[in-house]
Structures are given as structure tokens and as C-alpha cells.
Protein backbone atom coordinates (compact mmCIF):
# COMPACT_ATOMS: atom_id res chain seq x y z
CA MET A 1 7.73 -12.31 0.00
CA ALA A 2 6.39 -14.65 -2.67
CA PHE A 3 3.61 -17.05 -1.74
CA PRO A 4 5.20 -20.18 -0.16
CA HIS A 5 3.75 -22.71 -2.59
CA ASP A 6 6.27 -25.40 -1.62
CA VAL A 7 5.49 -25.10 2.09
CA PHE A 8 1.74 -24.95 1.42
CA ASN A 9 1.93 -28.05 -0.78
CA LYS A 10 3.86 -29.92 1.91
CA ALA A 11 1.30 -28.95 4.54
CA TRP A 12 -1.49 -30.07 2.20
CA SER A 13 0.18 -33.45 1.64
CA LEU A 14 0.41 -33.93 5.42
CA GLY A 15 -3.30 -33.21 5.90
CA LEU A 16 -2.77 -29.88 7.65
CA VAL A 17 -4.81 -27.96 5.05
CA ASN A 18 -8.59 -28.36 4.66
CA ALA A 19 -8.67 -30.73 7.65
CA HIS A 20 -12.15 -29.43 8.58
CA ILE A 21 -13.74 -30.53 5.27
CA PRO A 22 -16.15 -33.43 5.94
CA GLN A 23 -14.85 -36.91 5.16
CA LYS A 24 -17.50 -37.49 2.48
CA TYR A 25 -15.84 -34.75 0.41
CA GLY A 26 -12.30 -36.01 0.98
CA GLY A 27 -11.34 -34.13 4.14
CA LEU A 28 -10.54 -35.32 7.64
CA GLY A 29 -13.71 -33.89 9.16
CA LEU A 30 -11.85 -32.35 12.09
CA HIS A 31 -13.55 -29.93 14.46
CA THR A 32 -12.67 -26.33 15.29
CA LEU A 33 -10.76 -27.38 18.42
CA ASP A 34 -8.65 -29.80 16.36
CA GLY A 35 -7.94 -26.98 13.93
CA CYS A 36 -6.78 -24.76 16.78
CA VAL A 37 -4.16 -27.32 17.81
CA ILE A 38 -2.84 -27.36 14.25
CA ALA A 39 -2.99 -23.58 13.83
CA GLU A 40 -1.02 -22.85 17.01
CA GLU A 41 1.89 -25.00 15.87
CA LEU A 42 1.87 -23.53 12.36
CA SER A 43 1.80 -20.00 13.77
CA TYR A 44 4.66 -20.86 16.10
CA GLY A 45 6.72 -21.52 12.98
CA CYS A 46 5.38 -18.69 10.80
CA SER A 47 2.05 -16.94 11.19
CA GLY A 48 2.19 -15.78 7.57
CA ILE A 49 2.03 -19.38 6.39
CA SER A 50 -0.59 -20.18 9.01
CA THR A 51 -2.71 -17.29 7.73
CA ALA A 52 -2.43 -18.53 4.14
CA ILE A 53 -3.63 -21.95 5.26
CA GLU A 54 -6.37 -20.59 7.52
CA ALA A 55 -7.66 -18.40 4.66
CA ASN A 56 -8.80 -21.62 3.00
CA THR A 57 -10.82 -22.47 6.08
CA LEU A 58 -12.49 -19.06 6.12
CA ALA A 59 -13.46 -19.20 2.44
CA GLN A 60 -14.71 -22.78 2.65
CA MET A 61 -16.74 -22.32 5.81
CA PRO A 62 -19.73 -20.64 4.05
CA VAL A 63 -19.88 -23.63 1.69
CA ILE A 64 -19.69 -26.08 4.60
CA LEU A 65 -22.42 -24.21 6.48
CA ALA A 66 -24.81 -23.34 3.66
CA GLY A 67 -23.79 -25.13 0.48
CA ASN A 68 -25.94 -27.78 -1.15
CA GLU A 69 -24.65 -31.22 -1.99
CA ASP A 70 -23.57 -30.32 -5.54
CA GLN A 71 -21.70 -27.22 -4.35
CA LYS A 72 -19.89 -29.14 -1.63
CA LYS A 73 -18.85 -31.92 -3.98
CA LYS A 74 -17.65 -29.48 -6.61
CA TYR A 75 -15.88 -26.84 -4.52
CA LEU A 76 -14.85 -28.70 -1.37
CA GLY A 77 -14.04 -31.92 -3.18
CA ARG A 78 -11.53 -30.29 -5.49
CA MET A 79 -9.64 -28.81 -2.50
CA THR A 80 -8.83 -32.32 -1.25
CA GLU A 81 -7.76 -33.59 -4.67
CA GLU A 82 -4.92 -31.10 -5.17
CA PRO A 83 -3.36 -28.22 -3.15
CA LEU A 84 -5.68 -25.44 -4.28
CA LYS A 85 -6.40 -22.16 -2.51
CA CYS A 86 -9.59 -20.14 -2.14
CA ALA A 87 -10.41 -16.71 -0.74
CA TYR A 88 -13.11 -15.00 1.34
CA CYS A 89 -14.18 -11.79 -0.40
CA VAL A 90 -16.12 -9.62 2.04
CA THR A 91 -14.00 -6.62 3.13
CA GLU A 92 -14.29 -3.50 0.99
CA PRO A 93 -12.46 -0.14 0.94
CA GLY A 94 -15.40 1.50 2.72
CA ALA A 95 -16.63 -1.49 4.72
CA GLY A 96 -14.12 -3.42 6.79
CA SER A 97 -15.53 -4.04 10.24
CA ASP A 98 -18.95 -2.85 9.04
CA VAL A 99 -19.86 -5.86 6.91
CA ALA A 100 -23.42 -4.56 6.60
CA GLY A 101 -22.03 -1.54 4.76
CA ILE A 102 -20.65 -3.34 1.71
CA SER A 103 -21.53 -1.87 -1.69
CA THR A 104 -20.60 -4.63 -4.15
CA THR A 105 -23.81 -5.59 -5.95
CA ALA A 106 -25.27 -8.62 -7.66
CA GLU A 107 -28.19 -8.18 -10.06
CA ARG A 108 -30.31 -10.97 -11.44
CA LYS A 109 -30.17 -11.32 -15.22
CA GLY A 110 -32.33 -14.22 -16.36
CA ASN A 111 -31.00 -17.37 -14.69
CA ASP A 112 -27.70 -15.72 -13.81
CA TRP A 113 -26.41 -13.04 -11.47
CA VAL A 114 -24.06 -10.22 -12.48
CA ILE A 115 -21.61 -8.95 -9.85
CA ASN A 116 -20.00 -5.51 -9.87
CA GLY A 117 -17.77 -3.94 -7.25
CA SER A 118 -14.47 -4.41 -5.49
CA LYS A 119 -12.97 -6.01 -2.40
CA ILE A 120 -9.78 -5.18 -0.50
CA TRP A 121 -7.33 -6.97 1.83
CA ILE A 122 -8.30 -10.37 0.44
CA THR A 123 -5.96 -13.12 1.63
CA ASN A 124 -5.06 -15.78 -0.96
CA ALA A 125 -6.76 -13.72 -3.70
CA GLY A 126 -3.96 -13.87 -6.24
CA VAL A 127 -3.42 -17.61 -5.82
CA SER A 128 -7.07 -18.62 -5.47
CA ASN A 129 -9.03 -21.16 -7.46
CA TRP A 130 -12.41 -19.82 -6.33
CA LEU A 131 -13.89 -17.10 -4.15
CA PHE A 132 -16.69 -16.69 -1.66
CA VAL A 133 -18.22 -13.31 -2.50
CA LEU A 134 -20.74 -11.38 -0.44
CA ALA A 135 -22.82 -8.91 -2.48
CA VAL A 136 -25.88 -6.72 -2.05
CA THR A 137 -28.92 -8.13 -3.83
CA ASP A 138 -31.66 -6.00 -2.23
CA LYS A 139 -30.63 -2.43 -1.44
CA SER A 140 -33.93 -1.64 0.25
CA ALA A 141 -33.74 -4.47 2.80
CA GLY A 142 -32.11 -4.50 6.22
CA ALA A 143 -28.71 -6.09 6.77
CA GLY A 144 -30.19 -9.50 7.56
CA LYS A 145 -31.86 -9.79 4.14
CA ARG A 146 -29.82 -7.35 2.06
CA MET A 147 -26.97 -9.61 0.97
CA THR A 148 -26.42 -12.93 -0.79
CA GLY A 149 -23.39 -15.21 -0.82
CA PHE A 150 -21.93 -16.50 -4.09
CA ILE A 151 -19.25 -18.95 -5.15
CA VAL A 152 -17.22 -17.38 -7.96
CA ASP A 153 -14.51 -19.14 -9.95
CA SER A 154 -11.38 -16.99 -9.90
CA ASN A 155 -10.90 -17.34 -13.65
CA SER A 156 -14.38 -16.05 -14.45
CA PRO A 157 -14.43 -13.29 -17.11
CA GLY A 158 -14.52 -9.91 -15.37
CA VAL A 159 -12.65 -11.01 -12.23
CA SER A 160 -9.28 -9.29 -11.84
CA PHE A 161 -6.73 -8.87 -9.09
CA GLY A 162 -4.67 -5.88 -8.05
CA ASP A 163 -1.01 -5.93 -7.10
CA LYS A 164 0.03 -7.81 -4.00
CA LEU A 165 -0.04 -5.52 -0.99
CA ILE A 166 3.26 -5.33 0.90
CA ASN A 167 2.25 -5.53 4.51
CA MET A 168 4.11 -4.80 7.73
CA GLY A 169 4.19 -8.48 8.67
CA GLN A 170 3.06 -11.92 7.51
CA ARG A 171 4.50 -10.97 4.15
CA CYS A 172 4.37 -14.39 2.53
CA SER A 173 0.58 -14.24 2.74
CA ASP A 174 -0.92 -13.13 -0.59
CA THR A 175 -3.15 -10.13 0.14
CA ARG A 176 -4.55 -7.94 -2.63
CA PRO A 177 -7.68 -6.20 -3.97
CA VAL A 178 -10.21 -8.02 -6.15
CA PHE A 179 -12.35 -6.36 -8.83
CA PHE A 180 -15.62 -7.57 -10.32
CA ASP A 181 -16.66 -6.08 -13.66
CA ASN A 182 -19.94 -7.56 -14.89
CA VAL A 183 -19.00 -11.00 -13.60
CA VAL A 184 -21.68 -13.50 -14.58
CA VAL A 185 -22.41 -16.13 -11.93
CA PRO A 186 -24.89 -18.97 -12.56
CA LYS A 187 -27.79 -19.36 -10.14
CA GLU A 188 -26.32 -22.74 -9.16
CA ASN A 189 -23.55 -20.82 -7.37
CA VAL A 190 -25.84 -18.97 -4.97
CA LEU A 191 -25.13 -20.15 -1.43
CA GLY A 192 -28.18 -21.08 0.58
CA GLN A 193 -30.82 -18.75 -0.79
CA GLU A 194 -31.11 -15.14 -1.79
CA GLY A 195 -30.94 -12.72 1.12
CA ILE A 196 -29.17 -14.83 3.76
CA GLY A 197 -25.59 -13.91 2.86
CA PHE A 198 -25.02 -11.83 5.98
CA LYS A 199 -26.10 -14.71 8.22
CA ILE A 200 -23.78 -17.08 6.36
CA ALA A 201 -20.85 -14.68 6.65
CA MET A 202 -21.39 -14.24 10.40
CA GLY A 203 -21.63 -18.00 10.86
CA ALA A 204 -18.29 -18.39 9.11
CA PHE A 205 -16.74 -15.87 11.52
CA ASP A 206 -17.98 -17.81 14.56
CA ASN A 207 -16.15 -20.88 13.28
CA THR A 208 -12.96 -19.07 12.29
CA ARG A 209 -12.40 -16.61 15.14
CA PRO A 210 -10.89 -19.34 17.38
CA PRO A 211 -8.16 -20.23 14.84
CA VAL A 212 -7.28 -16.52 14.54
CA ALA A 213 -7.00 -16.23 18.32
CA ILE A 214 -4.85 -19.33 18.56
CA GLY A 215 -2.57 -17.90 15.87
CA ALA A 216 -1.77 -15.07 18.27
CA VAL A 217 -1.06 -17.66 20.97
CA GLY A 218 1.40 -19.41 18.67
CA VAL A 219 3.27 -16.20 17.90
CA ALA A 220 3.36 -15.27 21.58
CA ARG A 221 4.68 -18.70 22.54
CA ARG A 222 7.43 -18.46 19.94
CA ALA A 223 8.43 -15.00 21.19
CA MET A 224 8.50 -16.24 24.80
CA ASP A 225 10.66 -19.24 23.88
CA GLU A 226 13.10 -17.06 21.93
CA ALA A 227 13.30 -14.55 24.79
CA SER A 228 13.75 -17.29 27.39
CA LYS A 229 16.53 -18.91 25.40
CA TYR A 230 18.32 -15.60 24.89
CA ALA A 231 17.92 -14.68 28.58
CA LYS A 232 19.72 -17.91 29.55
CA GLU A 233 22.68 -17.02 27.33
CA ARG A 234 23.09 -13.25 27.68
CA LYS A 235 25.08 -12.13 30.70
CA THR A 236 25.17 -8.83 32.56
CA MET A 237 26.78 -8.10 35.90
CA GLY A 238 28.26 -11.58 35.99
CA VAL A 239 25.02 -13.57 35.64
CA THR A 240 22.65 -14.55 32.86
CA ILE A 241 19.88 -11.98 32.58
CA ASN A 242 17.15 -14.51 33.37
CA GLN A 243 18.42 -14.36 36.94
CA HIS A 244 17.45 -10.69 37.19
CA GLN A 245 13.97 -10.36 38.67
CA ALA A 246 12.91 -7.76 36.11
CA ILE A 247 13.48 -10.30 33.33
CA SER A 248 12.11 -13.33 35.18
CA PHE A 249 8.89 -11.45 36.00
CA MET A 250 8.43 -10.58 32.32
CA LEU A 251 8.87 -14.22 31.32
CA ALA A 252 6.46 -15.37 34.02
CA ASP A 253 3.81 -12.92 32.85
CA MET A 254 4.30 -14.12 29.27
CA ALA A 255 3.73 -17.76 30.25
CA THR A 256 0.69 -17.00 32.40
CA GLY A 257 -1.09 -15.03 29.69
CA ILE A 258 -0.29 -17.57 27.00
CA GLU A 259 -1.87 -20.37 29.02
CA ALA A 260 -4.94 -18.23 29.74
CA ALA A 261 -5.32 -17.21 26.09
CA ARG A 262 -5.04 -20.80 24.90
CA LEU A 263 -7.66 -22.07 27.32
CA LEU A 264 -10.06 -19.25 26.47
CA THR A 265 -9.62 -20.04 22.78
CA TYR A 266 -10.19 -23.73 23.42
CA LYS A 267 -13.39 -22.83 25.27
CA SER A 268 -14.65 -20.85 22.26
CA ALA A 269 -13.81 -23.74 19.93
CA TYR A 270 -15.48 -26.28 22.22
CA GLU A 271 -18.69 -24.25 22.30
CA ILE A 272 -19.07 -24.09 18.52
CA ASP A 273 -18.09 -27.77 18.20
CA SER A 274 -20.86 -28.58 20.68
CA GLY A 275 -23.44 -26.82 18.53
CA ARG A 276 -23.77 -23.76 20.76
CA SER A 277 -23.19 -20.11 19.95
CA ASN A 278 -19.59 -19.12 20.68
CA THR A 279 -19.73 -15.49 19.57
CA MET A 280 -19.03 -14.09 23.03
CA TYR A 281 -16.24 -16.53 23.91
CA ALA A 282 -14.64 -16.31 20.46
CA SER A 283 -14.62 -12.52 20.62
CA MET A 284 -13.14 -12.64 24.13
CA ALA A 285 -10.45 -15.03 22.96
CA LYS A 286 -9.59 -12.92 19.95
CA VAL A 287 -9.29 -9.74 22.03
CA PHE A 288 -7.36 -11.28 24.92
CA ALA A 289 -4.99 -13.37 22.78
CA SER A 290 -4.15 -10.50 20.43
CA GLU A 291 -3.48 -8.04 23.25
CA HIS A 292 -1.30 -10.47 25.15
CA CYS A 293 0.53 -11.52 21.99
CA ASN A 294 1.52 -7.94 21.27
CA LYS A 295 2.66 -7.44 24.87
CA VAL A 296 4.74 -10.60 24.72
CA VAL A 297 6.52 -9.72 21.49
CA ASN A 298 7.21 -6.19 22.70
CA ASP A 299 8.68 -7.53 25.93
CA ALA A 300 10.68 -10.11 23.96
CA VAL A 301 12.28 -7.33 21.93
CA GLN A 302 13.10 -5.53 25.19
CA ILE A 303 14.76 -8.64 26.60
CA PHE A 304 16.89 -8.92 23.46
CA GLY A 305 17.83 -5.25 23.80
CA GLY A 306 19.61 -3.85 20.75
CA ALA A 307 19.73 -7.31 19.21
CA GLY A 308 15.94 -7.36 19.17
CA PHE A 309 15.96 -4.39 16.80
CA ASN A 310 18.02 -6.33 14.27
CA THR A 311 16.83 -8.72 11.57
CA GLU A 312 19.52 -11.23 12.55
CA TYR A 313 17.28 -12.28 15.43
CA PRO A 314 13.69 -13.54 15.03
CA VAL A 315 11.83 -11.29 17.46
CA GLU A 316 11.65 -8.26 15.15
CA LYS A 317 9.73 -10.41 12.64
CA LEU A 318 7.46 -11.68 15.38
CA LEU A 319 6.76 -8.07 16.39
CA ARG A 320 5.72 -7.21 12.83
CA ASP A 321 3.67 -10.38 12.44
CA ALA A 322 1.82 -9.84 15.73
CA LYS A 323 0.37 -6.44 14.88
CA ILE A 324 -2.30 -7.77 12.54
CA TYR A 325 -3.91 -9.71 15.39
CA GLN A 326 -4.38 -6.46 17.29
CA ILE A 327 -5.96 -4.85 14.22
CA LEU A 328 -8.31 -7.81 13.81
CA LYS A 329 -9.15 -7.48 17.50
CA GLU A 330 -10.35 -3.92 16.91
CA GLN A 331 -12.77 -5.29 14.30
CA VAL A 332 -14.25 -7.53 16.97
CA LYS A 333 -14.94 -4.46 19.09
CA PHE A 334 -16.90 -2.89 16.26
CA LYS A 335 -18.77 -6.04 15.19
CA ASP A 336 -19.63 -7.60 18.50
């Protein structure tokens, strides 16, 4: 369950990490749709590793969208020079889906800001080089002007990390709480300007919902392939079980939904790549793909029968890995 540094480093060397970073900062400058193609294949292999890689995209997106030239050179540039990780620190114990309800604060002290509070369920936290942190800077303002985004170096005095959380699935992904105790952040690390943090965070979500949806497609496709292969080998009543209509109908439904989920996700990626709002399509894709993914993996376990309940076969892992997509889908319901 340790972080797969060797796999991450290999992916980085192949250009599969940080591919969306603009070319002027050392990246490939790929679009969201390109990233979806990559993410589906990575998730097909292991969605835990895909999540660890995609966490970089989520954390970097606020810098891409709102960072100034110096911030982009410093924090995006370093990601293309060596296989570093970063983390997106928004979720809190009392504010998951309700981003507007966060309580972590940042107070101005001279030319610096001082951050206090805590975050939870932060992917890549324990292996991160830097963090995107959303904090309240004006408690009296509405959500649209209440928060500010900051870039915080992970080794800053006052930043600490809790123990790695042992999750149901995607266990190689490093997820843990982050604590901020009088963390001093220079004004140069404010993203955009004071008070637009919520807008930046929502913009990052619009760009990163499609890769989450396509992750569910990858897991579903893997489960379907495993179930199809097993159904061609396992025999009952003198024939392989794929010849029984009950099984063949399940496999057909799997394939149909996977194709639909992929195309809906591609549509959401195409919209944001074309400079249009994709919030509706991205939310649709995330909901549909996650629901179908969980149906597929459940049906795959059923096709395997007792073998599907055993760790010797891959579908029990896929079942555990798939659940997080359904949980993330519920957040879409609340947000959108």
C-alpha cells in the first residue's frame, strides 16, 4: 500500500504525468481530451496509480488558470524537471462537497499571509512538493469573494501531515490529512488576487471532472474484459457460460454503457477544450460513468461467482476501487 514511486517515475519519464502543462514551462501542452485518453488506459491498469497521477493535474490546474508568469515558471516548471508531486488542499472535515463552507483561514500579516486550519482526504499530500490551498480571507463576504487561493511549499514551517488513511480501494494512492499551524506564505504565492479563490477552485474542477469520469470508464472496461475472458473459459451444463443468455446480456449491457460513458466524457472534455463551459456535461459524465462503473464491477463479480469473492482474481479489487467514483458522483449532486 506504499506510494508507487517507481511506477510514477516511469510514467513521468514517458510523458504521462503533467502532460497538460504548457510547452513553455516544459510540458506537452496537451488538452483535457488528450488527458482523458491517457487516464482511461492508466485506470484500466490501476485506478490507484491513475488517481495519484491525476492528483498532480488537479493541484496544478489553479496555477495554470490563475497563476502569474513567475508562479508558473517556479511551480509548473519544476514538475517537468523531475518527478515531483503536488496536492490540492480544499476538502475539510466539515466541508467536503460544500466548498463554500471551509473554515481554514489566512490572515494578512504585513507582506505575508498566515494560514491556520486543516484539510482532509488530500491525495498525494504525504509525497507532495507543494500544495494548492484554499482559505478564507474575508469571513464577512459571500462565497464568491470569501476565499483566496495560495501556493504553499510542503516543507514550510507549520505544515504537517497526518497518517496515511487506509482506504477501501485505490490503496496505493497517498491520502491523508494536512494541518496548517501559523504557516507563513509570502504575498507572491497568492493565486490571482485576493477573494477569487472559490472561482479558481471551481474552474479547476471543470477541467478535472472529465479525467475522473474517464477513470471510471477505464475500471469498467477492465472489469468487462476480465468477466468476458472468464465467461469464455468457465463451463456449466456442458457449455462456456458466455453462451448462456443471462451472462451474454450482462456483457452486452456492460459494453453499451462503457461506450456511452466514454463519449459523454469526451463531449465534456471537448467543450472545455473549445473554451466553453462544460459544467453540465462534465457533471453528467461523472454521474453516468461512476454509476455504470459500479454496475459493471458488481456484475463482473457475479459472473465470476465464488471466484469473484477471492483475492486470487482481479475483480474484487476492481469492486473496491470503483466505489470512490460513486462517492465522488454524490459530491457532484450537491455541488451542481
